[in-house]
Amino acid sequence: MAETRYQLGLACTFDKRYDPAVAHYRVAIAIIEAKIKQLSRVVAGEIPPSSDVDPHGFDTPQQLAKKEMDELAEIIPDILAKVLSFLCFYCGHIFVSIALEKSLCF
């Protein structure tokens, strides 16, 4: 689900629809944060791991949950950097437009 929202955010960004892009990126981050919270409860032993854990694997369910948490935590700064990048680009265009508008008014 987070991947879908991220891809929708990218599509909106390429289409220069920045408000919907930010909304999609925010939802993607919220989904990732919720998953991290759930996984932290697995690591802490508060809830059982999902049933799709390989019983013959080398890692315990808690170790697998911790690995997934770490991977997900690395994604959030990447999404935020993308948002910041296109916001700077967008705001830069607004600033240039305002500056040109003001200079043409003299």
Protein backbone atom coordinates (compact mmCIF):
# COMPACT_ATOMS: atom_id res chain seq x y z
CA MET A 1 0.00 0.00 0.00
CA ALA A 2 2.82 2.42 0.84
CA GLU A 3 4.51 1.61 -2.46
CA THR A 4 1.30 2.43 -4.34
CA ARG A 5 0.96 5.78 -2.58
CA TYR A 6 4.62 6.54 -3.25
CA GLN A 7 4.16 5.76 -6.96
CA LEU A 8 1.05 7.94 -7.08
CA GLY A 9 3.07 10.72 -5.49
CA LEU A 10 5.73 10.33 -8.17
CA ALA A 11 3.12 10.41 -10.92
CA CYS A 12 1.59 13.58 -9.49
CA THR A 13 5.05 15.14 -9.18
CA PHE A 14 5.84 14.43 -12.83
CA ASP A 15 2.46 15.93 -13.73
CA LYS A 16 3.32 19.04 -11.63
CA ARG A 17 0.36 18.40 -9.31
CA TYR A 18 2.28 19.09 -6.12
CA ASP A 19 -0.54 19.20 -3.57
CA PRO A 20 -1.82 15.69 -4.39
CA ALA A 21 1.80 14.49 -4.57
CA VAL A 22 2.49 15.67 -1.03
CA ALA A 23 -0.75 14.07 0.16
CA HIS A 24 0.25 10.71 -1.37
CA TYR A 25 3.75 10.92 0.09
CA ARG A 26 2.30 11.71 3.53
CA VAL A 27 0.03 8.66 3.36
CA ALA A 28 2.98 6.49 2.26
CA ILE A 29 5.00 7.70 5.26
CA ALA A 30 2.06 7.14 7.63
CA ILE A 31 1.65 3.57 6.36
CA ILE A 32 5.37 2.90 6.79
CA GLU A 33 5.34 4.37 10.30
CA ALA A 34 2.34 2.21 11.25
CA LYS A 35 4.12 -0.89 9.96
CA ILE A 36 7.26 0.01 11.92
CA LYS A 37 5.14 0.41 15.04
CA GLN A 38 3.55 -3.00 14.49
CA LEU A 39 6.94 -4.61 13.89
CA SER A 40 8.34 -3.04 17.04
CA ARG A 41 5.59 -4.79 18.97
CA VAL A 42 6.65 -8.09 17.38
CA VAL A 43 10.27 -7.42 18.35
CA ALA A 44 9.17 -6.64 21.91
CA GLY A 45 7.15 -9.86 22.02
CA GLU A 46 3.86 -8.00 22.55
CA ILE A 47 2.20 -9.57 19.51
CA PRO A 48 2.94 -12.79 17.60
CA PRO A 49 4.76 -12.56 14.27
CA SER A 50 2.85 -12.99 11.03
CA SER A 51 2.20 -16.53 9.89
CA ASP A 52 4.32 -16.16 6.75
CA VAL A 53 7.60 -16.58 8.68
CA ASP A 54 9.71 -19.49 7.45
CA PRO A 55 9.99 -21.90 10.40
CA HIS A 56 13.15 -23.37 8.87
CA GLY A 57 14.89 -20.01 8.43
CA PHE A 58 18.00 -18.98 10.31
CA ASP A 59 16.53 -15.81 11.83
CA THR A 60 13.95 -15.69 14.59
CA PRO A 61 10.69 -13.87 13.85
CA GLN A 62 11.90 -11.02 16.07
CA GLN A 63 15.14 -10.74 14.09
CA LEU A 64 13.21 -10.70 10.83
CA ALA A 65 10.90 -8.02 12.20
CA LYS A 66 13.89 -5.94 13.30
CA LYS A 67 15.48 -6.22 9.85
CA GLU A 68 12.24 -5.15 8.19
CA MET A 69 11.92 -2.24 10.62
CA ASP A 70 15.42 -1.07 9.74
CA GLU A 71 14.72 -1.31 6.01
CA LEU A 72 11.47 0.62 6.33
CA ALA A 73 13.07 3.29 8.51
CA GLU A 74 15.57 3.97 5.71
CA ILE A 75 12.77 4.66 3.23
CA ILE A 76 11.19 7.58 5.11
CA PRO A 77 14.15 9.99 4.73
CA ASP A 78 14.26 9.19 1.01
CA ILE A 79 10.60 10.13 0.61
CA LEU A 80 11.08 13.30 2.66
CA ALA A 81 14.11 14.26 0.55
CA LYS A 82 12.05 13.83 -2.61
CA VAL A 83 9.29 16.05 -1.21
CA LEU A 84 11.81 18.68 -0.11
CA SER A 85 13.50 18.57 -3.50
CA PHE A 86 10.39 19.21 -5.54
CA LEU A 87 9.08 21.76 -3.02
CA CYS A 88 12.33 23.71 -3.36
CA PHE A 89 12.01 23.45 -7.13
CA TYR A 90 8.36 24.54 -7.00
CA CYS A 91 9.00 27.36 -4.51
CA GLY A 92 11.97 28.49 -6.59
CA HIS A 93 9.68 28.85 -9.58
CA ILE A 94 7.20 30.84 -7.50
CA PHE A 95 9.99 33.09 -6.23
CA VAL A 96 11.30 33.68 -9.76
CA SER A 97 7.77 34.34 -11.02
CA ILE A 98 7.12 36.88 -8.26
CA ALA A 99 10.50 38.53 -8.82
CA LEU A 100 9.85 38.80 -12.57
CA GLU A 101 6.34 40.08 -11.98
CA LYS A 102 7.61 42.78 -9.62
CA SER A 103 10.44 43.77 -11.94
CA LEU A 104 8.04 44.08 -14.88
CA CYS A 105 5.75 46.33 -12.86
CA PHE A 106 8.36 49.13 -12.66
